[in-house]
Amino acid sequence: MVTEIRPISHNEIYRKLTHLFAIIIPVLYYLVVKNQLLAIAILLPFAIGSVVWDSARIESPKYRHHFLKLFGSHLRDSEVSRHTGGTYLLTSSVVVIAVFSKEIAYLAISYLVVGDTFAAFVGLSMGRRKFVRSKKSLEGFIGAFVSCSVWGLLSYFLFLKRVFSYDCAHPELAVILIILGALVASVVESVDLHINDNISIPILSALAMTVIYMFI
């Protein structure tokens, strides 16, 4: 279905730029912290604190009033009475880091941050072909897939290649892992699974890459 393009609001730009800043999570984990348990120890208090604060805000009119006064203009309509995307992102990052290998966790969280951001920018600015029963567009899907693929391949040639070359019988197939992981992340971002995509994107893309990793 082809629809008219509407201009991107300043609030939408702000939200997505803020979301993009979360790329610091996988980058610091992989390049600076490096240790799985230490990364969990750092992130877990933030995730728990965010869940507790969001829950208190949702349940308490007093807290909700103060929160909305400060941040209400930057929230999605769905986040006013529910947990914010940041809470889901922190929670899924802890889960992915705890469950999956360091390289796959890095890629999966990166795909969430990069893919979701560029899907929104491209979809809102150029999205005309909407998917059936979805607010998402073909253009947004392409934006997510291209941006995730570029990020994954840049990461591969800059520092992941030597890791896969050391660990894998066929390290060149890691490129396929990266591309298919980007594809899964982009598909999940574009369909409605009735699960917050800050949860579904990193976990499902990490699962897909883990399965592929078993054969390379």
C-alpha atoms as a PDB file:
ATOM      1  CA  MET A   1       0.000   0.000   0.000  1.00  0.00           C
ATOM      2  CA  VAL A   2       1.390   3.410  -1.020  1.00  0.00           C
ATOM      3  CA  THR A   3       0.848   6.284   1.398  1.00  0.00           C
ATOM      4  CA  GLU A   4       1.804   9.922   1.587  1.00  0.00           C
ATOM      5  CA  ILE A   5       5.062  10.900   3.265  1.00  0.00           C
ATOM      6  CA  ARG A   6       4.800  13.113   6.326  1.00  0.00           C
ATOM      7  CA  PRO A   7       7.639  15.305   7.635  1.00  0.00           C
ATOM      8  CA  ILE A   8       9.702  14.009  10.561  1.00  0.00           C
ATOM      9  CA  SER A   9       9.003  15.921  13.757  1.00  0.00           C
ATOM     10  CA  HIS A  10      11.763  17.295  15.966  1.00  0.00           C
ATOM     11  CA  ASN A  11      10.688  14.959  18.761  1.00  0.00           C
ATOM     12  CA  GLU A  12      11.027  11.931  16.500  1.00  0.00           C
ATOM     13  CA  ILE A  13      14.507  13.046  15.446  1.00  0.00           C
ATOM     14  CA  TYR A  14      15.479  13.566  19.085  1.00  0.00           C
ATOM     15  CA  ARG A  15      14.169  10.138  20.111  1.00  0.00           C
ATOM     16  CA  LYS A  16      16.073   8.340  17.373  1.00  0.00           C
ATOM     17  CA  LEU A  17      19.312  10.235  17.953  1.00  0.00           C
ATOM     18  CA  THR A  18      19.015   9.365  21.642  1.00  0.00           C
ATOM     19  CA  HIS A  19      18.382   5.749  20.671  1.00  0.00           C
ATOM     20  CA  LEU A  20      21.448   5.790  18.403  1.00  0.00           C
ATOM     21  CA  PHE A  21      23.574   6.908  21.341  1.00  0.00           C
ATOM     22  CA  ALA A  22      22.931   3.451  22.833  1.00  0.00           C
ATOM     23  CA  ILE A  23      25.518   2.094  20.364  1.00  0.00           C
ATOM     24  CA  ILE A  24      27.909   2.824  23.213  1.00  0.00           C
ATOM     25  CA  ILE A  25      26.637  -0.340  24.935  1.00  0.00           C
ATOM     26  CA  PRO A  26      27.912  -2.920  22.412  1.00  0.00           C
ATOM     27  CA  VAL A  27      30.994  -0.862  21.522  1.00  0.00           C
ATOM     28  CA  LEU A  28      32.156  -0.453  25.115  1.00  0.00           C
ATOM     29  CA  TYR A  29      31.322  -4.076  25.873  1.00  0.00           C
ATOM     30  CA  TYR A  30      33.344  -5.467  22.999  1.00  0.00           C
ATOM     31  CA  LEU A  31      36.246  -3.028  22.784  1.00  0.00           C
ATOM     32  CA  VAL A  32      36.685  -1.733  26.338  1.00  0.00           C
ATOM     33  CA  VAL A  33      35.074  -3.922  29.012  1.00  0.00           C
ATOM     34  CA  LYS A  34      35.549  -7.187  27.086  1.00  0.00           C
ATOM     35  CA  ASN A  35      34.593  -9.353  30.059  1.00  0.00           C
ATOM     36  CA  GLN A  36      31.099 -10.846  30.035  1.00  0.00           C
ATOM     37  CA  LEU A  37      30.563 -10.906  33.805  1.00  0.00           C
ATOM     38  CA  LEU A  38      31.896  -7.382  34.251  1.00  0.00           C
ATOM     39  CA  ALA A  39      29.613  -6.092  31.494  1.00  0.00           C
ATOM     40  CA  ILE A  40      26.610  -7.730  33.157  1.00  0.00           C
ATOM     41  CA  ALA A  41      27.636  -6.304  36.534  1.00  0.00           C
ATOM     42  CA  ILE A  42      27.746  -2.820  35.014  1.00  0.00           C
ATOM     43  CA  LEU A  43      24.524  -3.016  32.997  1.00  0.00           C
ATOM     44  CA  LEU A  44      22.309  -4.999  35.355  1.00  0.00           C
ATOM     45  CA  PRO A  45      21.881  -2.239  37.988  1.00  0.00           C
ATOM     46  CA  PHE A  46      20.889   0.220  35.245  1.00  0.00           C
ATOM     47  CA  ALA A  47      18.401  -2.284  33.808  1.00  0.00           C
ATOM     48  CA  ILE A  48      16.883  -3.058  37.206  1.00  0.00           C
ATOM     49  CA  GLY A  49      16.763   0.624  38.143  1.00  0.00           C
ATOM     50  CA  SER A  50      15.048   1.473  34.869  1.00  0.00           C
ATOM     51  CA  VAL A  51      12.451  -1.281  35.337  1.00  0.00           C
ATOM     52  CA  VAL A  52      11.749  -0.173  38.910  1.00  0.00           C
ATOM     53  CA  TRP A  53      11.474   3.493  37.970  1.00  0.00           C
ATOM     54  CA  ASP A  54       9.217   2.768  34.997  1.00  0.00           C
ATOM     55  CA  SER A  55       7.008   0.507  37.104  1.00  0.00           C
ATOM     56  CA  ALA A  56       6.729   3.173  39.816  1.00  0.00           C
ATOM     57  CA  ARG A  57       5.917   5.803  37.216  1.00  0.00           C
ATOM     58  CA  ILE A  58       3.214   3.652  35.662  1.00  0.00           C
ATOM     59  CA  GLU A  59       1.619   2.812  39.017  1.00  0.00           C
ATOM     60  CA  SER A  60       2.020   6.164  40.788  1.00  0.00           C
ATOM     61  CA  PRO A  61       0.259   9.300  39.488  1.00  0.00           C
ATOM     62  CA  LYS A  62       2.738  11.438  41.454  1.00  0.00           C
ATOM     63  CA  TYR A  63       5.827   9.939  39.829  1.00  0.00           C
ATOM     64  CA  ARG A  64       4.112   9.854  36.446  1.00  0.00           C
ATOM     65  CA  HIS A  65       3.318  13.552  36.665  1.00  0.00           C
ATOM     66  CA  HIS A  66       6.925  14.496  37.401  1.00  0.00           C
ATOM     67  CA  PHE A  67       8.295  12.137  34.740  1.00  0.00           C
ATOM     68  CA  LEU A  68       5.949  13.410  32.043  1.00  0.00           C
ATOM     69  CA  LYS A  69       6.720  16.991  32.994  1.00  0.00           C
ATOM     70  CA  LEU A  70      10.405  16.347  32.349  1.00  0.00           C
ATOM     71  CA  PHE A  71      10.369  13.831  29.494  1.00  0.00           C
ATOM     72  CA  GLY A  72       6.791  13.584  28.261  1.00  0.00           C
ATOM     73  CA  SER A  73       7.411  15.494  25.032  1.00  0.00           C
ATOM     74  CA  HIS A  74      10.046  12.949  24.021  1.00  0.00           C
ATOM     75  CA  LEU A  75       7.996   9.820  24.686  1.00  0.00           C
ATOM     76  CA  ARG A  76       6.000   7.812  22.220  1.00  0.00           C
ATOM     77  CA  ASP A  77       2.295   7.641  22.958  1.00  0.00           C
ATOM     78  CA  SER A  78       2.692   3.963  23.842  1.00  0.00           C
ATOM     79  CA  GLU A  79       5.419   4.770  26.389  1.00  0.00           C
ATOM     80  CA  VAL A  80       3.290   7.105  28.484  1.00  0.00           C
ATOM     81  CA  SER A  81       1.558   4.226  30.274  1.00  0.00           C
ATOM     82  CA  ARG A  82       4.093   1.479  29.582  1.00  0.00           C
ATOM     83  CA  HIS A  83       7.803   0.830  29.998  1.00  0.00           C
ATOM     84  CA  THR A  84      10.031   2.938  27.780  1.00  0.00           C
ATOM     85  CA  GLY A  85      12.148   1.644  24.931  1.00  0.00           C
ATOM     86  CA  GLY A  86      15.263   2.408  26.970  1.00  0.00           C
ATOM     87  CA  THR A  87      14.154   0.006  29.692  1.00  0.00           C
ATOM     88  CA  TYR A  88      13.575  -2.760  27.168  1.00  0.00           C
ATOM     89  CA  LEU A  89      16.906  -2.028  25.475  1.00  0.00           C
ATOM     90  CA  LEU A  90      18.860  -2.235  28.730  1.00  0.00           C
ATOM     91  CA  THR A  91      17.074  -5.441  29.721  1.00  0.00           C
ATOM     92  CA  SER A  92      17.597  -7.157  26.367  1.00  0.00           C
ATOM     93  CA  SER A  93      21.260  -6.089  26.327  1.00  0.00           C
ATOM     94  CA  VAL A  94      21.843  -7.827  29.662  1.00  0.00           C
ATOM     95  CA  VAL A  95      20.089 -10.973  28.428  1.00  0.00           C
ATOM     96  CA  VAL A  96      21.963 -11.093  25.125  1.00  0.00           C
ATOM     97  CA  ILE A  97      25.344 -10.494  26.761  1.00  0.00           C
ATOM     98  CA  ALA A  98      24.621 -13.190  29.356  1.00  0.00           C
ATOM     99  CA  VAL A  99      23.425 -15.834  26.891  1.00  0.00           C
ATOM    100  CA  PHE A 100      25.396 -15.388  23.665  1.00  0.00           C
ATOM    101  CA  SER A 101      29.038 -15.192  22.648  1.00  0.00           C
ATOM    102  CA  LYS A 102      30.732 -11.798  22.779  1.00  0.00           C
ATOM    103  CA  GLU A 103      30.873 -11.315  19.002  1.00  0.00           C
ATOM    104  CA  ILE A 104      27.250 -12.277  18.451  1.00  0.00           C
ATOM    105  CA  ALA A 105      26.052 -10.165  21.391  1.00  0.00           C
ATOM    106  CA  TYR A 106      27.970  -7.200  19.980  1.00  0.00           C
ATOM    107  CA  LEU A 107      26.383  -7.621  16.555  1.00  0.00           C
ATOM    108  CA  ALA A 108      22.859  -8.288  17.851  1.00  0.00           C
ATOM    109  CA  ILE A 109      22.731  -5.230  20.124  1.00  0.00           C
ATOM    110  CA  SER A 110      24.312  -3.112  17.382  1.00  0.00           C
ATOM    111  CA  TYR A 111      21.648  -4.275  14.926  1.00  0.00           C
ATOM    112  CA  LEU A 112      18.949  -3.178  17.339  1.00  0.00           C
ATOM    113  CA  VAL A 113      20.442   0.293  17.775  1.00  0.00           C
ATOM    114  CA  VAL A 114      21.516   0.942  14.185  1.00  0.00           C
ATOM    115  CA  GLY A 115      18.707  -0.877  12.385  1.00  0.00           C
ATOM    116  CA  ASP A 116      15.862   0.539  14.442  1.00  0.00           C
ATOM    117  CA  THR A 117      17.245   4.075  14.098  1.00  0.00           C
ATOM    118  CA  PHE A 118      17.722   4.001  10.341  1.00  0.00           C
ATOM    119  CA  ALA A 119      14.471   2.131   9.750  1.00  0.00           C
ATOM    120  CA  ALA A 120      12.707   5.027  11.467  1.00  0.00           C
ATOM    121  CA  PHE A 121      14.609   7.770   9.642  1.00  0.00           C
ATOM    122  CA  VAL A 122      14.213   6.187   6.211  1.00  0.00           C
ATOM    123  CA  GLY A 123      10.682   4.958   6.844  1.00  0.00           C
ATOM    124  CA  LEU A 124       9.426   8.300   8.144  1.00  0.00           C
ATOM    125  CA  SER A 125      11.164  10.382   5.486  1.00  0.00           C
ATOM    126  CA  MET A 126      10.703   8.139   2.433  1.00  0.00           C
ATOM    127  CA  GLY A 127       8.353   5.325   3.425  1.00  0.00           C
ATOM    128  CA  ARG A 128       5.498   5.092   0.944  1.00  0.00           C
ATOM    129  CA  ARG A 129       4.977   1.339   0.588  1.00  0.00           C
ATOM    130  CA  LYS A 130       3.441   0.135   3.838  1.00  0.00           C
ATOM    131  CA  PHE A 131       3.349  -3.521   4.755  1.00  0.00           C
ATOM    132  CA  VAL A 132      -0.098  -5.044   5.169  1.00  0.00           C
ATOM    133  CA  ARG A 133      -1.455  -4.623   8.722  1.00  0.00           C
ATOM    134  CA  SER A 134       1.656  -2.758   9.791  1.00  0.00           C
ATOM    135  CA  LYS A 135       2.837   0.812  10.251  1.00  0.00           C
ATOM    136  CA  LYS A 136       6.249  -0.200   8.896  1.00  0.00           C
ATOM    137  CA  SER A 137       7.313   0.345   5.299  1.00  0.00           C
ATOM    138  CA  LEU A 138       9.431  -1.398   2.673  1.00  0.00           C
ATOM    139  CA  GLU A 139      11.717   1.623   2.597  1.00  0.00           C
ATOM    140  CA  GLY A 140      12.208   1.382   6.362  1.00  0.00           C
ATOM    141  CA  PHE A 141      13.057  -2.317   6.030  1.00  0.00           C
ATOM    142  CA  ILE A 142      15.656  -1.531   3.367  1.00  0.00           C
ATOM    143  CA  GLY A 143      17.106   1.241   5.536  1.00  0.00           C
ATOM    144  CA  ALA A 144      17.432  -1.159   8.464  1.00  0.00           C
ATOM    145  CA  PHE A 145      18.972  -3.946   6.389  1.00  0.00           C
ATOM    146  CA  VAL A 146      21.506  -1.738   4.605  1.00  0.00           C
ATOM    147  CA  SER A 147      22.583   0.069   7.778  1.00  0.00           C
ATOM    148  CA  CYS A 148      22.918  -3.169   9.774  1.00  0.00           C
ATOM    149  CA  SER A 149      24.849  -4.850   6.970  1.00  0.00           C
ATOM    150  CA  VAL A 150      27.221  -1.906   6.611  1.00  0.00           C
ATOM    151  CA  TRP A 151      27.804  -1.744  10.367  1.00  0.00           C
ATOM    152  CA  GLY A 152      28.346  -5.492  10.596  1.00  0.00           C
ATOM    153  CA  LEU A 153      30.750  -5.624   7.654  1.00  0.00           C
ATOM    154  CA  LEU A 154      32.734  -2.619   8.876  1.00  0.00           C
ATOM    155  CA  SER A 155      33.035  -4.313  12.267  1.00  0.00           C
ATOM    156  CA  TYR A 156      34.113  -7.525  10.554  1.00  0.00           C
ATOM    157  CA  PHE A 157      36.902  -5.970   8.524  1.00  0.00           C
ATOM    158  CA  LEU A 158      38.066  -3.699  11.360  1.00  0.00           C
ATOM    159  CA  PHE A 159      38.295  -6.202  14.219  1.00  0.00           C
ATOM    160  CA  LEU A 160      35.997  -9.239  13.979  1.00  0.00           C
ATOM    161  CA  LYS A 161      37.736 -10.886  11.033  1.00  0.00           C
ATOM    162  CA  ARG A 162      40.757 -11.983  13.060  1.00  0.00           C
ATOM    163  CA  VAL A 163      38.476 -13.495  15.709  1.00  0.00           C
ATOM    164  CA  PHE A 164      36.517 -15.551  13.204  1.00  0.00           C
ATOM    165  CA  SER A 165      39.750 -16.522  11.425  1.00  0.00           C
ATOM    166  CA  TYR A 166      41.062 -17.906  14.701  1.00  0.00           C
ATOM    167  CA  ASP A 167      37.884 -19.683  15.834  1.00  0.00           C
ATOM    168  CA  CYS A 168      36.223 -20.925  12.631  1.00  0.00           C
ATOM    169  CA  ALA A 169      37.046 -23.587  10.086  1.00  0.00           C
ATOM    170  CA  HIS A 170      35.571 -21.370   7.364  1.00  0.00           C
ATOM    171  CA  PRO A 171      36.027 -17.766   8.561  1.00  0.00           C
ATOM    172  CA  GLU A 172      34.894 -16.325   5.239  1.00  0.00           C
ATOM    173  CA  LEU A 173      31.406 -17.603   6.024  1.00  0.00           C
ATOM    174  CA  ALA A 174      31.256 -15.126   8.892  1.00  0.00           C
ATOM    175  CA  VAL A 175      30.237 -12.591   6.241  1.00  0.00           C
ATOM    176  CA  ILE A 176      27.128 -14.700   5.601  1.00  0.00           C
ATOM    177  CA  LEU A 177      26.472 -14.801   9.352  1.00  0.00           C
ATOM    178  CA  ILE A 178      26.679 -11.006   9.517  1.00  0.00           C
ATOM    179  CA  ILE A 179      24.411 -10.451   6.504  1.00  0.00           C
ATOM    180  CA  LEU A 180      21.792 -12.993   7.597  1.00  0.00           C
ATOM    181  CA  GLY A 181      21.852 -11.607  11.129  1.00  0.00           C
ATOM    182  CA  ALA A 182      21.196  -8.159   9.654  1.00  0.00           C
ATOM    183  CA  LEU A 183      18.379  -9.607   7.554  1.00  0.00           C
ATOM    184  CA  VAL A 184      16.699 -11.278  10.537  1.00  0.00           C
ATOM    185  CA  ALA A 185      16.998  -8.085  12.597  1.00  0.00           C
ATOM    186  CA  SER A 186      15.456  -6.067   9.760  1.00  0.00           C
ATOM    187  CA  VAL A 187      12.596  -8.501   9.226  1.00  0.00           C
ATOM    188  CA  VAL A 188      11.810  -8.569  12.952  1.00  0.00           C
ATOM    189  CA  GLU A 189      11.876  -4.764  13.026  1.00  0.00           C
ATOM    190  CA  SER A 190       9.411  -4.631  10.137  1.00  0.00           C
ATOM    191  CA  VAL A 191       6.781  -7.100  11.357  1.00  0.00           C
ATOM    192  CA  ASP A 192       4.477  -6.958  14.339  1.00  0.00           C
ATOM    193  CA  LEU A 193       5.291  -9.851  16.666  1.00  0.00           C
ATOM    194  CA  HIS A 194       3.352  -8.234  19.536  1.00  0.00           C
ATOM    195  CA  ILE A 195       6.676  -8.059  21.416  1.00  0.00           C
ATOM    196  CA  ASN A 196       8.611  -4.844  21.926  1.00  0.00           C
ATOM    197  CA  ASP A 197      11.223  -4.773  19.169  1.00  0.00           C
ATOM    198  CA  ASN A 198      13.909  -3.688  21.644  1.00  0.00           C
ATOM    199  CA  ILE A 199      13.522  -7.232  22.977  1.00  0.00           C
ATOM    200  CA  SER A 200      12.749  -9.222  19.830  1.00  0.00           C
ATOM    201  CA  ILE A 201      15.375  -7.752  17.479  1.00  0.00           C
ATOM    202  CA  PRO A 202      18.551  -8.540  19.454  1.00  0.00           C
ATOM    203  CA  ILE A 203      17.376 -11.894  20.816  1.00  0.00           C
ATOM    204  CA  LEU A 204      16.066 -13.304  17.522  1.00  0.00           C
ATOM    205  CA  SER A 205      18.988 -12.016  15.458  1.00  0.00           C
ATOM    206  CA  ALA A 206      21.422 -13.430  18.031  1.00  0.00           C
ATOM    207  CA  LEU A 207      19.642 -16.797  17.895  1.00  0.00           C
ATOM    208  CA  ALA A 208      19.848 -16.819  14.093  1.00  0.00           C
ATOM    209  CA  MET A 209      23.560 -15.944  14.093  1.00  0.00           C
ATOM    210  CA  THR A 210      24.272 -18.558  16.758  1.00  0.00           C
ATOM    211  CA  VAL A 211      22.692 -21.271  14.607  1.00  0.00           C
ATOM    212  CA  ILE A 212      24.721 -20.144  11.584  1.00  0.00           C
ATOM    213  CA  TYR A 213      27.893 -19.977  13.692  1.00  0.00           C
ATOM    214  CA  MET A 214      27.531 -23.683  14.474  1.00  0.00           C
ATOM    215  CA  PHE A 215      28.135 -24.494  10.796  1.00  0.00           C
ATOM    216  CA  ILE A 216      31.151 -22.285  10.057  1.00  0.00           C
END
